[in-house]
Amino acid sequence: MSGVPLENICVESTLVSLVSSSTARSDLPLPPILEHKNPNAPSVFEPVALLREARRQKGLAIIDVPPVCILDPDGDIVRRLKSSGQAKRLDAWPCYHTDLYSFSLAGQTSGIIACAVGAPFAVLVAEELFACGCRALISLTSAGQIVPAGSPPYFVVIDRALRDEGTSYHYAAPDAFAAADPHIVATAMDALKKAGLRAYVGSSWTTDAPFRETAAAVAAARAKGVLAVEMEAAALYTFARKRNRAVLCLAHVTNTMGLAGRDFEKGEADGTADALMILEVLVKALHSPEAAF
């Protein structure tokens, strides 16, 4: 191996460990997702620049978003809040791609954004939220069951996520998992336990391609003890560690990837009744002085 940079050897060996394929070829160069990546190098394009220009074009004032915001990839919670008149659109939110709503939860004003599905979109929105004054972000997404923790639907507080997506590799060197902040996970689980709400803690598998969840890929995730498959957590946790931000991801395990009849049943009001109870407890915990986020 003389003449081969050690960094390339480490990256290639990591890639081989992450990608199990009988057709993998060792004579090819690194794929673009791993080329020219230096997580410590500053980005030419920053969220503050985009937000500045969006405000200029739209004639918007600079305002802070609520300190705790929520990502609702499925959009069910936002639809319920809008239909009941509880959600108020924040017109000064400068994002080109989303609407931000405020609503009262646990006696506090929280922010919520619907349908930011997938790792790139979720992290783009997270970057913009934190640039606008957000202090803690919760993502609550529906997910498929891998290792059963119960009978769906149920909630999993994700403590680490398998990095089978692309966004995280722009924020950190290759690794198998992206870990949550253990203090945030412990705070969340303690609050849910005290409130008498059932939730499990464990790992997820974050994928960019839900319709390429092959039998081999599912088996590999199951062998790692993964509880659920979703599309955002690994990227959000890698972003959080890189930017030193408070992020918590939850999986609402609602399905077995369509392998059973009457699948994707979330519960009362499309699962929003249970989801809002969980979120109320978590928002209160994140606002508490003990959280110190």
C-alpha atoms as a PDB file:
ATOM      1  CA  MET A   1       0.000   0.000   0.000  1.00  0.00           C
ATOM      2  CA  SER A   2       2.988   2.299  -0.252  1.00  0.00           C
ATOM      3  CA  GLY A   3       2.211   5.568  -1.985  1.00  0.00           C
ATOM      4  CA  VAL A   4      -1.488   5.480  -1.002  1.00  0.00           C
ATOM      5  CA  PRO A   5      -2.452   8.253   1.453  1.00  0.00           C
ATOM      6  CA  LEU A   6      -3.517   6.886   4.825  1.00  0.00           C
ATOM      7  CA  GLU A   7      -6.641   9.068   4.735  1.00  0.00           C
ATOM      8  CA  ASN A   8      -7.806   7.386   1.514  1.00  0.00           C
ATOM      9  CA  ILE A   9      -7.158   3.931   2.957  1.00  0.00           C
ATOM     10  CA  CYS A  10      -9.222   4.747   6.055  1.00  0.00           C
ATOM     11  CA  VAL A  11     -12.072   6.229   4.060  1.00  0.00           C
ATOM     12  CA  GLU A  12     -12.152   3.337   1.601  1.00  0.00           C
ATOM     13  CA  SER A  13     -12.110   0.752   4.383  1.00  0.00           C
ATOM     14  CA  THR A  14     -14.913   2.593   6.152  1.00  0.00           C
ATOM     15  CA  LEU A  15     -16.933   2.708   2.945  1.00  0.00           C
ATOM     16  CA  VAL A  16     -16.489  -1.029   2.435  1.00  0.00           C
ATOM     17  CA  SER A  17     -17.661  -1.657   6.010  1.00  0.00           C
ATOM     18  CA  LEU A  18     -20.737   0.507   5.462  1.00  0.00           C
ATOM     19  CA  VAL A  19     -21.712  -0.843   2.047  1.00  0.00           C
ATOM     20  CA  SER A  20     -22.166  -4.605   1.892  1.00  0.00           C
ATOM     21  CA  SER A  21     -22.373  -5.572  -1.764  1.00  0.00           C
ATOM     22  CA  SER A  22     -21.244  -8.581  -3.757  1.00  0.00           C
ATOM     23  CA  THR A  23     -20.692  -6.266  -6.736  1.00  0.00           C
ATOM     24  CA  ALA A  24     -18.438  -3.726  -4.987  1.00  0.00           C
ATOM     25  CA  ARG A  25     -15.272  -2.975  -6.978  1.00  0.00           C
ATOM     26  CA  SER A  26     -12.061  -1.935  -5.266  1.00  0.00           C
ATOM     27  CA  ASP A  27     -10.468  -0.589  -8.471  1.00  0.00           C
ATOM     28  CA  LEU A  28     -12.851   2.387  -8.768  1.00  0.00           C
ATOM     29  CA  PRO A  29     -12.120   5.852  -7.361  1.00  0.00           C
ATOM     30  CA  LEU A  30     -14.037   7.134  -4.365  1.00  0.00           C
ATOM     31  CA  PRO A  31     -17.642   8.033  -5.184  1.00  0.00           C
ATOM     32  CA  PRO A  32     -18.406  11.777  -5.255  1.00  0.00           C
ATOM     33  CA  ILE A  33     -20.164  11.574  -1.884  1.00  0.00           C
ATOM     34  CA  LEU A  34     -16.773  10.945  -0.275  1.00  0.00           C
ATOM     35  CA  GLU A  35     -14.528  13.036  -2.527  1.00  0.00           C
ATOM     36  CA  HIS A  36     -13.283  16.508  -1.551  1.00  0.00           C
ATOM     37  CA  LYS A  37     -14.960  16.363   1.839  1.00  0.00           C
ATOM     38  CA  ASN A  38     -13.336  18.248   4.696  1.00  0.00           C
ATOM     39  CA  PRO A  39     -15.867  18.645   7.500  1.00  0.00           C
ATOM     40  CA  ASN A  40     -13.649  21.257   9.156  1.00  0.00           C
ATOM     41  CA  ALA A  41     -13.501  23.536   6.120  1.00  0.00           C
ATOM     42  CA  PRO A  42     -15.901  26.499   6.130  1.00  0.00           C
ATOM     43  CA  SER A  43     -18.732  26.509   3.614  1.00  0.00           C
ATOM     44  CA  VAL A  44     -18.806  29.148   0.902  1.00  0.00           C
ATOM     45  CA  PHE A  45     -22.599  29.220   1.166  1.00  0.00           C
ATOM     46  CA  GLU A  46     -24.059  29.829   4.631  1.00  0.00           C
ATOM     47  CA  PRO A  47     -27.714  29.894   5.764  1.00  0.00           C
ATOM     48  CA  VAL A  48     -27.427  33.506   6.932  1.00  0.00           C
ATOM     49  CA  ALA A  49     -26.673  34.570   3.355  1.00  0.00           C
ATOM     50  CA  LEU A  50     -29.748  32.835   1.977  1.00  0.00           C
ATOM     51  CA  LEU A  51     -31.946  34.241   4.719  1.00  0.00           C
ATOM     52  CA  ARG A  52     -30.572  37.752   4.189  1.00  0.00           C
ATOM     53  CA  GLU A  53     -31.420  37.690   0.492  1.00  0.00           C
ATOM     54  CA  ALA A  54     -34.821  36.096   1.066  1.00  0.00           C
ATOM     55  CA  ARG A  55     -35.712  38.872   3.511  1.00  0.00           C
ATOM     56  CA  ARG A  56     -34.509  41.498   1.041  1.00  0.00           C
ATOM     57  CA  GLN A  57     -36.561  40.076  -1.807  1.00  0.00           C
ATOM     58  CA  LYS A  58     -39.692  39.565   0.290  1.00  0.00           C
ATOM     59  CA  GLY A  59     -39.409  42.742   2.354  1.00  0.00           C
ATOM     60  CA  LEU A  60     -39.405  40.815   5.633  1.00  0.00           C
ATOM     61  CA  ALA A  61     -38.339  42.007   9.066  1.00  0.00           C
ATOM     62  CA  ILE A  62     -35.778  40.070  11.075  1.00  0.00           C
ATOM     63  CA  ILE A  63     -37.517  38.109  13.828  1.00  0.00           C
ATOM     64  CA  ASP A  64     -36.559  35.212  16.079  1.00  0.00           C
ATOM     65  CA  VAL A  65     -38.430  31.940  15.649  1.00  0.00           C
ATOM     66  CA  PRO A  66     -39.771  30.191  18.784  1.00  0.00           C
ATOM     67  CA  PRO A  67     -36.991  28.693  20.936  1.00  0.00           C
ATOM     68  CA  VAL A  68     -38.261  25.120  20.466  1.00  0.00           C
ATOM     69  CA  CYS A  69     -39.306  24.070  16.964  1.00  0.00           C
ATOM     70  CA  ILE A  70     -40.662  20.817  15.582  1.00  0.00           C
ATOM     71  CA  LEU A  71     -40.232  19.072  12.249  1.00  0.00           C
ATOM     72  CA  ASP A  72     -43.371  17.169  11.210  1.00  0.00           C
ATOM     73  CA  PRO A  73     -42.319  15.292   8.043  1.00  0.00           C
ATOM     74  CA  ASP A  74     -45.700  13.588   7.617  1.00  0.00           C
ATOM     75  CA  GLY A  75     -47.574  16.871   8.004  1.00  0.00           C
ATOM     76  CA  ASP A  76     -50.407  15.319  10.047  1.00  0.00           C
ATOM     77  CA  ILE A  77     -49.770  17.439  13.141  1.00  0.00           C
ATOM     78  CA  VAL A  78     -49.685  20.683  11.177  1.00  0.00           C
ATOM     79  CA  ARG A  79     -52.880  19.750   9.337  1.00  0.00           C
ATOM     80  CA  ARG A  80     -54.631  19.083  12.650  1.00  0.00           C
ATOM     81  CA  LEU A  81     -53.406  22.340  14.196  1.00  0.00           C
ATOM     82  CA  LYS A  82     -54.472  24.348  11.153  1.00  0.00           C
ATOM     83  CA  SER A  83     -57.905  22.748  10.942  1.00  0.00           C
ATOM     84  CA  SER A  84     -58.534  23.435  14.640  1.00  0.00           C
ATOM     85  CA  GLY A  85     -57.344  27.025  14.358  1.00  0.00           C
ATOM     86  CA  GLN A  86     -54.449  26.490  16.771  1.00  0.00           C
ATOM     87  CA  ALA A  87     -51.649  27.174  14.287  1.00  0.00           C
ATOM     88  CA  LYS A  88     -50.670  30.676  13.215  1.00  0.00           C
ATOM     89  CA  ARG A  89     -48.483  31.139  10.141  1.00  0.00           C
ATOM     90  CA  LEU A  90     -45.376  33.239  10.813  1.00  0.00           C
ATOM     91  CA  ASP A  91     -45.285  35.538   7.804  1.00  0.00           C
ATOM     92  CA  ALA A  92     -41.759  36.772   8.594  1.00  0.00           C
ATOM     93  CA  TRP A  93     -40.248  33.277   8.229  1.00  0.00           C
ATOM     94  CA  PRO A  94     -37.898  33.811   5.254  1.00  0.00           C
ATOM     95  CA  CYS A  95     -37.427  30.219   4.067  1.00  0.00           C
ATOM     96  CA  TYR A  96     -38.159  29.792   0.347  1.00  0.00           C
ATOM     97  CA  HIS A  97     -39.397  26.231   0.719  1.00  0.00           C
ATOM     98  CA  THR A  98     -41.529  25.950   3.842  1.00  0.00           C
ATOM     99  CA  ASP A  99     -44.148  27.616   6.026  1.00  0.00           C
ATOM    100  CA  LEU A 100     -43.470  27.984   9.749  1.00  0.00           C
ATOM    101  CA  TYR A 101     -46.408  27.919  12.140  1.00  0.00           C
ATOM    102  CA  SER A 102     -46.530  28.813  15.818  1.00  0.00           C
ATOM    103  CA  PHE A 103     -48.835  27.216  18.378  1.00  0.00           C
ATOM    104  CA  SER A 104     -49.098  26.871  22.121  1.00  0.00           C
ATOM    105  CA  LEU A 105     -47.700  23.701  23.668  1.00  0.00           C
ATOM    106  CA  ALA A 106     -46.883  23.089  27.328  1.00  0.00           C
ATOM    107  CA  GLY A 107     -47.655  26.731  28.025  1.00  0.00           C
ATOM    108  CA  GLN A 108     -44.992  27.846  25.563  1.00  0.00           C
ATOM    109  CA  THR A 109     -45.032  29.099  21.992  1.00  0.00           C
ATOM    110  CA  SER A 110     -43.494  26.457  19.750  1.00  0.00           C
ATOM    111  CA  GLY A 111     -42.763  26.448  16.044  1.00  0.00           C
ATOM    112  CA  ILE A 112     -43.630  23.649  13.627  1.00  0.00           C
ATOM    113  CA  ILE A 113     -42.883  22.933   9.972  1.00  0.00           C
ATOM    114  CA  ALA A 114     -44.607  20.263   7.900  1.00  0.00           C
ATOM    115  CA  CYS A 115     -43.374  17.920   5.187  1.00  0.00           C
ATOM    116  CA  ALA A 116     -39.612  18.495   5.315  1.00  0.00           C
ATOM    117  CA  VAL A 117     -39.083  14.888   4.240  1.00  0.00           C
ATOM    118  CA  GLY A 118     -35.645  13.336   3.879  1.00  0.00           C
ATOM    119  CA  ALA A 119     -32.176  14.156   5.147  1.00  0.00           C
ATOM    120  CA  PRO A 120     -31.230  17.056   2.823  1.00  0.00           C
ATOM    121  CA  PHE A 121     -34.506  18.906   3.295  1.00  0.00           C
ATOM    122  CA  ALA A 122     -34.579  18.366   7.070  1.00  0.00           C
ATOM    123  CA  VAL A 123     -31.036  19.662   7.545  1.00  0.00           C
ATOM    124  CA  LEU A 124     -31.593  22.624   5.216  1.00  0.00           C
ATOM    125  CA  VAL A 125     -34.572  23.661   7.341  1.00  0.00           C
ATOM    126  CA  ALA A 126     -32.698  22.957  10.591  1.00  0.00           C
ATOM    127  CA  GLU A 127     -29.832  25.193   9.479  1.00  0.00           C
ATOM    128  CA  GLU A 128     -32.274  28.013   8.769  1.00  0.00           C
ATOM    129  CA  LEU A 129     -34.210  27.573  12.012  1.00  0.00           C
ATOM    130  CA  PHE A 130     -31.105  27.752  14.179  1.00  0.00           C
ATOM    131  CA  ALA A 131     -29.864  30.745  12.193  1.00  0.00           C
ATOM    132  CA  CYS A 132     -33.170  32.423  13.111  1.00  0.00           C
ATOM    133  CA  GLY A 133     -32.938  31.888  16.863  1.00  0.00           C
ATOM    134  CA  CYS A 134     -34.166  28.332  17.423  1.00  0.00           C
ATOM    135  CA  ARG A 135     -32.537  26.767  20.502  1.00  0.00           C
ATOM    136  CA  ALA A 136     -33.818  23.188  20.325  1.00  0.00           C
ATOM    137  CA  LEU A 137     -35.308  21.131  17.508  1.00  0.00           C
ATOM    138  CA  ILE A 138     -37.471  18.010  17.689  1.00  0.00           C
ATOM    139  CA  SER A 139     -38.121  15.812  14.674  1.00  0.00           C
ATOM    140  CA  LEU A 140     -41.013  13.364  14.883  1.00  0.00           C
ATOM    141  CA  THR A 141     -41.434  11.143  11.841  1.00  0.00           C
ATOM    142  CA  SER A 142     -43.323   7.969  11.027  1.00  0.00           C
ATOM    143  CA  ALA A 143     -41.066   4.958  10.617  1.00  0.00           C
ATOM    144  CA  GLY A 144     -40.982   1.311   9.641  1.00  0.00           C
ATOM    145  CA  GLN A 145     -40.388  -1.444  12.148  1.00  0.00           C
ATOM    146  CA  ILE A 146     -37.069  -3.345  11.978  1.00  0.00           C
ATOM    147  CA  VAL A 147     -36.488  -5.051  15.348  1.00  0.00           C
ATOM    148  CA  PRO A 148     -39.895  -5.158  17.057  1.00  0.00           C
ATOM    149  CA  ALA A 149     -40.081  -3.282  20.343  1.00  0.00           C
ATOM    150  CA  GLY A 150     -43.844  -3.680  20.565  1.00  0.00           C
ATOM    151  CA  SER A 151     -46.940  -3.749  18.404  1.00  0.00           C
ATOM    152  CA  PRO A 152     -47.234  -0.617  16.202  1.00  0.00           C
ATOM    153  CA  PRO A 153     -47.915   2.172  16.654  1.00  0.00           C
ATOM    154  CA  TYR A 154     -45.325   3.199  19.261  1.00  0.00           C
ATOM    155  CA  PHE A 155     -42.601   5.796  19.716  1.00  0.00           C
ATOM    156  CA  VAL A 156     -38.833   5.409  19.728  1.00  0.00           C
ATOM    157  CA  VAL A 157     -36.477   8.078  21.034  1.00  0.00           C
ATOM    158  CA  ILE A 158     -33.560   7.635  18.643  1.00  0.00           C
ATOM    159  CA  ASP A 159     -30.206   7.514  20.403  1.00  0.00           C
ATOM    160  CA  ARG A 160     -28.167   6.869  17.252  1.00  0.00           C
ATOM    161  CA  ALA A 161     -28.893   6.475  13.558  1.00  0.00           C
ATOM    162  CA  LEU A 162     -27.247   4.403  10.835  1.00  0.00           C
ATOM    163  CA  ARG A 163     -25.809   6.781   8.234  1.00  0.00           C
ATOM    164  CA  ASP A 164     -27.267   5.297   5.063  1.00  0.00           C
ATOM    165  CA  GLU A 165     -27.963   8.747   3.554  1.00  0.00           C
ATOM    166  CA  GLY A 166     -25.816  11.378   1.890  1.00  0.00           C
ATOM    167  CA  THR A 167     -26.161  14.596   3.841  1.00  0.00           C
ATOM    168  CA  SER A 168     -24.233  13.552   6.943  1.00  0.00           C
ATOM    169  CA  TYR A 169     -21.054  12.966   4.917  1.00  0.00           C
ATOM    170  CA  HIS A 170     -20.857  16.699   4.249  1.00  0.00           C
ATOM    171  CA  TYR A 171     -20.801  17.382   8.008  1.00  0.00           C
ATOM    172  CA  ALA A 172     -18.586  14.598   9.378  1.00  0.00           C
ATOM    173  CA  ALA A 173     -16.116  11.949   8.301  1.00  0.00           C
ATOM    174  CA  PRO A 174     -17.529   8.523   7.412  1.00  0.00           C
ATOM    175  CA  ASP A 175     -18.754   6.422  10.299  1.00  0.00           C
ATOM    176  CA  ALA A 176     -21.453   3.817  10.754  1.00  0.00           C
ATOM    177  CA  PHE A 177     -23.716   5.721  13.153  1.00  0.00           C
ATOM    178  CA  ALA A 178     -24.552   9.297  14.095  1.00  0.00           C
ATOM    179  CA  ALA A 179     -25.135   9.635  17.825  1.00  0.00           C
ATOM    180  CA  ALA A 180     -27.621  11.834  19.628  1.00  0.00           C
ATOM    181  CA  ASP A 181     -26.562  13.998  22.538  1.00  0.00           C
ATOM    182  CA  PRO A 182     -26.909  11.523  25.443  1.00  0.00           C
ATOM    183  CA  HIS A 183     -27.963  14.320  27.819  1.00  0.00           C
ATOM    184  CA  ILE A 184     -30.890  15.236  25.561  1.00  0.00           C
ATOM    185  CA  VAL A 185     -31.924  11.589  25.191  1.00  0.00           C
ATOM    186  CA  ALA A 186     -31.761  11.056  28.966  1.00  0.00           C
ATOM    187  CA  THR A 187     -33.753  14.248  29.583  1.00  0.00           C
ATOM    188  CA  ALA A 188     -36.417  13.127  27.113  1.00  0.00           C
ATOM    189  CA  MET A 189     -36.739   9.604  28.459  1.00  0.00           C
ATOM    190  CA  ASP A 190     -36.877  10.793  32.066  1.00  0.00           C
ATOM    191  CA  ALA A 191     -39.626  13.297  31.234  1.00  0.00           C
ATOM    192  CA  LEU A 192     -41.676  10.724  29.314  1.00  0.00           C
ATOM    193  CA  LYS A 193     -41.318   8.168  32.104  1.00  0.00           C
ATOM    194  CA  LYS A 194     -42.453  10.676  34.731  1.00  0.00           C
ATOM    195  CA  ALA A 195     -45.446  11.563  32.551  1.00  0.00           C
ATOM    196  CA  GLY A 196     -46.407   7.894  32.251  1.00  0.00           C
ATOM    197  CA  LEU A 197     -46.007   7.863  28.474  1.00  0.00           C
ATOM    198  CA  ARG A 198     -44.594   4.775  26.798  1.00  0.00           C
ATOM    199  CA  ALA A 199     -41.583   5.214  24.576  1.00  0.00           C
ATOM    200  CA  TYR A 200     -38.586   3.091  23.729  1.00  0.00           C
ATOM    201  CA  VAL A 201     -35.021   4.217  23.214  1.00  0.00           C
ATOM    202  CA  GLY A 202     -32.820   2.741  20.517  1.00  0.00           C
ATOM    203  CA  SER A 203     -31.223   3.119  17.120  1.00  0.00           C
ATOM    204  CA  SER A 204     -32.687   3.797  13.691  1.00  0.00           C
ATOM    205  CA  TRP A 205     -31.604   3.319  10.116  1.00  0.00           C
ATOM    206  CA  THR A 206     -31.728   6.515   8.050  1.00  0.00           C
ATOM    207  CA  THR A 207     -32.172   5.898   4.338  1.00  0.00           C
ATOM    208  CA  ASP A 208     -32.548   8.117   1.283  1.00  0.00           C
ATOM    209  CA  ALA A 209     -34.385   5.417  -0.646  1.00  0.00           C
ATOM    210  CA  PRO A 210     -37.403   3.945   1.168  1.00  0.00           C
ATOM    211  CA  PHE A 211     -38.406   1.874  -1.839  1.00  0.00           C
ATOM    212  CA  ARG A 212     -34.958   0.242  -1.909  1.00  0.00           C
ATOM    213  CA  GLU A 213     -35.248  -1.305   1.537  1.00  0.00           C
ATOM    214  CA  THR A 214     -34.178  -4.747   0.305  1.00  0.00           C
ATOM    215  CA  ALA A 215     -34.327  -7.958   2.309  1.00  0.00           C
ATOM    216  CA  ALA A 216     -30.544  -7.918   2.669  1.00  0.00           C
ATOM    217  CA  ALA A 217     -30.508  -4.305   3.860  1.00  0.00           C
ATOM    218  CA  VAL A 218     -33.288  -4.939   6.358  1.00  0.00           C
ATOM    219  CA  ALA A 219     -31.484  -8.034   7.654  1.00  0.00           C
ATOM    220  CA  ALA A 220     -28.240  -6.070   8.036  1.00  0.00           C
ATOM    221  CA  ALA A 221     -30.026  -3.339  10.000  1.00  0.00           C
ATOM    222  CA  ARG A 222     -31.755  -5.947  12.152  1.00  0.00           C
ATOM    223  CA  ALA A 223     -28.406  -7.586  12.902  1.00  0.00           C
ATOM    224  CA  LYS A 224     -27.210  -4.227  14.250  1.00  0.00           C
ATOM    225  CA  GLY A 225     -30.181  -4.066  16.619  1.00  0.00           C
ATOM    226  CA  VAL A 226     -31.870  -1.224  14.742  1.00  0.00           C
ATOM    227  CA  LEU A 227     -35.455  -0.622  15.845  1.00  0.00           C
ATOM    228  CA  ALA A 228     -36.816   1.501  13.003  1.00  0.00           C
ATOM    229  CA  VAL A 229     -36.138   2.878   9.537  1.00  0.00           C
ATOM    230  CA  GLU A 230     -36.729   6.558   8.748  1.00  0.00           C
ATOM    231  CA  MET A 231     -35.273   9.303   6.553  1.00  0.00           C
ATOM    232  CA  GLU A 232     -33.852  12.169   8.633  1.00  0.00           C
ATOM    233  CA  ALA A 233     -32.226  11.283  11.973  1.00  0.00           C
ATOM    234  CA  ALA A 234     -28.644  10.456  10.943  1.00  0.00           C
ATOM    235  CA  ALA A 235     -28.261  13.713   9.057  1.00  0.00           C
ATOM    236  CA  LEU A 236     -29.905  15.791  11.785  1.00  0.00           C
ATOM    237  CA  TYR A 237     -27.699  14.274  14.487  1.00  0.00           C
ATOM    238  CA  THR A 238     -24.527  14.755  12.438  1.00  0.00           C
ATOM    239  CA  PHE A 239     -25.526  18.363  11.765  1.00  0.00           C
ATOM    240  CA  ALA A 240     -26.270  18.860  15.475  1.00  0.00           C
ATOM    241  CA  ARG A 241     -22.868  17.604  16.564  1.00  0.00           C
ATOM    242  CA  LYS A 242     -21.057  19.651  13.942  1.00  0.00           C
ATOM    243  CA  ARG A 243     -22.934  22.866  14.732  1.00  0.00           C
ATOM    244  CA  ASN A 244     -23.267  22.212  18.493  1.00  0.00           C
ATOM    245  CA  ARG A 245     -27.057  22.339  18.315  1.00  0.00           C
ATOM    246  CA  ALA A 246     -29.748  20.670  20.444  1.00  0.00           C
ATOM    247  CA  VAL A 247     -31.648  18.159  18.304  1.00  0.00           C
ATOM    248  CA  LEU A 248     -33.822  15.209  19.276  1.00  0.00           C
ATOM    249  CA  CYS A 249     -35.283  12.733  16.788  1.00  0.00           C
ATOM    250  CA  LEU A 250     -38.203  10.409  17.419  1.00  0.00           C
ATOM    251  CA  ALA A 251     -39.573   7.630  15.277  1.00  0.00           C
ATOM    252  CA  HIS A 252     -43.293   6.931  15.356  1.00  0.00           C
ATOM    253  CA  VAL A 253     -43.199   3.268  14.367  1.00  0.00           C
ATOM    254  CA  THR A 254     -46.427   2.784  12.457  1.00  0.00           C
ATOM    255  CA  ASN A 255     -45.745   0.071   9.894  1.00  0.00           C
ATOM    256  CA  THR A 256     -43.927  -3.052   8.801  1.00  0.00           C
ATOM    257  CA  MET A 257     -43.110  -1.569   5.390  1.00  0.00           C
ATOM    258  CA  GLY A 258     -46.404  -2.757   3.976  1.00  0.00           C
ATOM    259  CA  LEU A 259     -45.749  -6.427   4.704  1.00  0.00           C
ATOM    260  CA  ALA A 260     -48.893  -6.817   6.807  1.00  0.00           C
ATOM    261  CA  GLY A 261     -52.513  -5.973   6.209  1.00  0.00           C
ATOM    262  CA  ARG A 262     -53.919  -2.798   7.756  1.00  0.00           C
ATOM    263  CA  ASP A 263     -50.433  -1.335   7.932  1.00  0.00           C
ATOM    264  CA  PHE A 264     -49.532   2.351   8.461  1.00  0.00           C
ATOM    265  CA  GLU A 265     -52.219   2.804  11.117  1.00  0.00           C
ATOM    266  CA  LYS A 266     -51.016   5.638  13.352  1.00  0.00           C
ATOM    267  CA  GLY A 267     -53.784   5.709  15.923  1.00  0.00           C
ATOM    268  CA  GLU A 268     -56.361   8.328  16.886  1.00  0.00           C
ATOM    269  CA  ALA A 269     -56.557  11.313  14.524  1.00  0.00           C
ATOM    270  CA  ASP A 270     -53.773   9.931  12.305  1.00  0.00           C
ATOM    271  CA  GLY A 271     -51.576   9.537  15.364  1.00  0.00           C
ATOM    272  CA  THR A 272     -51.634  13.229  16.201  1.00  0.00           C
ATOM    273  CA  ALA A 273     -53.346  12.747  19.575  1.00  0.00           C
ATOM    274  CA  ASP A 274     -50.493  10.586  20.873  1.00  0.00           C
ATOM    275  CA  ALA A 275     -47.855  12.638  19.067  1.00  0.00           C
ATOM    276  CA  LEU A 276     -48.999  15.898  20.658  1.00  0.00           C
ATOM    277  CA  MET A 277     -48.973  14.312  24.133  1.00  0.00           C
ATOM    278  CA  ILE A 278     -45.402  13.155  23.566  1.00  0.00           C
ATOM    279  CA  LEU A 279     -44.364  16.532  22.169  1.00  0.00           C
ATOM    280  CA  GLU A 280     -45.961  18.458  25.028  1.00  0.00           C
ATOM    281  CA  VAL A 281     -43.856  16.549  27.548  1.00  0.00           C
ATOM    282  CA  LEU A 282     -40.682  16.979  25.506  1.00  0.00           C
ATOM    283  CA  VAL A 283     -41.199  20.686  24.866  1.00  0.00           C
ATOM    284  CA  LYS A 284     -41.753  21.262  28.580  1.00  0.00           C
ATOM    285  CA  ALA A 285     -38.578  19.311  29.377  1.00  0.00           C
ATOM    286  CA  LEU A 286     -36.510  21.236  26.844  1.00  0.00           C
ATOM    287  CA  HIS A 287     -37.762  24.549  28.250  1.00  0.00           C
ATOM    288  CA  SER A 288     -36.857  23.578  31.821  1.00  0.00           C
ATOM    289  CA  PRO A 289     -33.797  25.155  33.519  1.00  0.00           C
ATOM    290  CA  GLU A 290     -32.379  21.669  34.052  1.00  0.00           C
ATOM    291  CA  ALA A 291     -32.152  21.138  30.295  1.00  0.00           C
ATOM    292  CA  ALA A 292     -29.669  24.013  29.881  1.00  0.00           C
ATOM    293  CA  PHE A 293     -29.663  23.858  26.083  1.00  0.00           C
END
